[in-house]
Amino acid sequence: RCLENGPALGMIVVGDTGPLNYLLLIGQVDVLPSLFSRVVIPRAVAAELSSARAPEVVRRWVENPPSWLDIQPDPADDGTLSTLDSGERSAIALALLIQATQILMDDLDGRIEAERRNLKVTGTLGILVEGHRRGLLDFDSALARLSGTSFYLSPRLVDMVRRLL
């Protein structure tokens, strides 16, 4: 059950690289501890966030993570996920291992594999929607900032989300 002004009790989310990257780039990553009681990432995701290819703001954030971020060792590799990158593989395996409530992932192939394993998946856009619904952020301004990044926003999907809001 969700608390009016706080995270849902017992709601654990495991994050993948993409959503954390984009939430950081648009200045909205701090909505996560308001939406979830625990935010966890595997070391593989932390490594991707700290790679030389990552934006400087993202690298600085993961090098000095907030107290609400729980970085866990990578679980044993699941050979059935070999088509995914290491962050996605580790995030899915960790979500299953700790029985996470949700997994935060944007990559379509990763989402399909997570759903195939009965994980509830949300992505960057889903976090913005829920943050807006809870009064934690303004959806339109967050969406405008997101459109200024390399995040692909399907006009059809944006229209659908706007109708839901």
Foldseek 3Di string as FASTA:
>chain_A
DQDLFAEDPPAEEEEFQVLCLLCQQLVNNVCVRRHGVAYEFEVVRLCVQLDPPRDPSSNVCSVPDDPRYHYHYFDPFDPVCVVDDPRLRRSLVVCVVVVHQAYEDDDPVSVVVSVVVVHHYDYNLRSLLVCVVSVNDDSVSSVVSSVVDPDDDDPVVVVVSVVVD
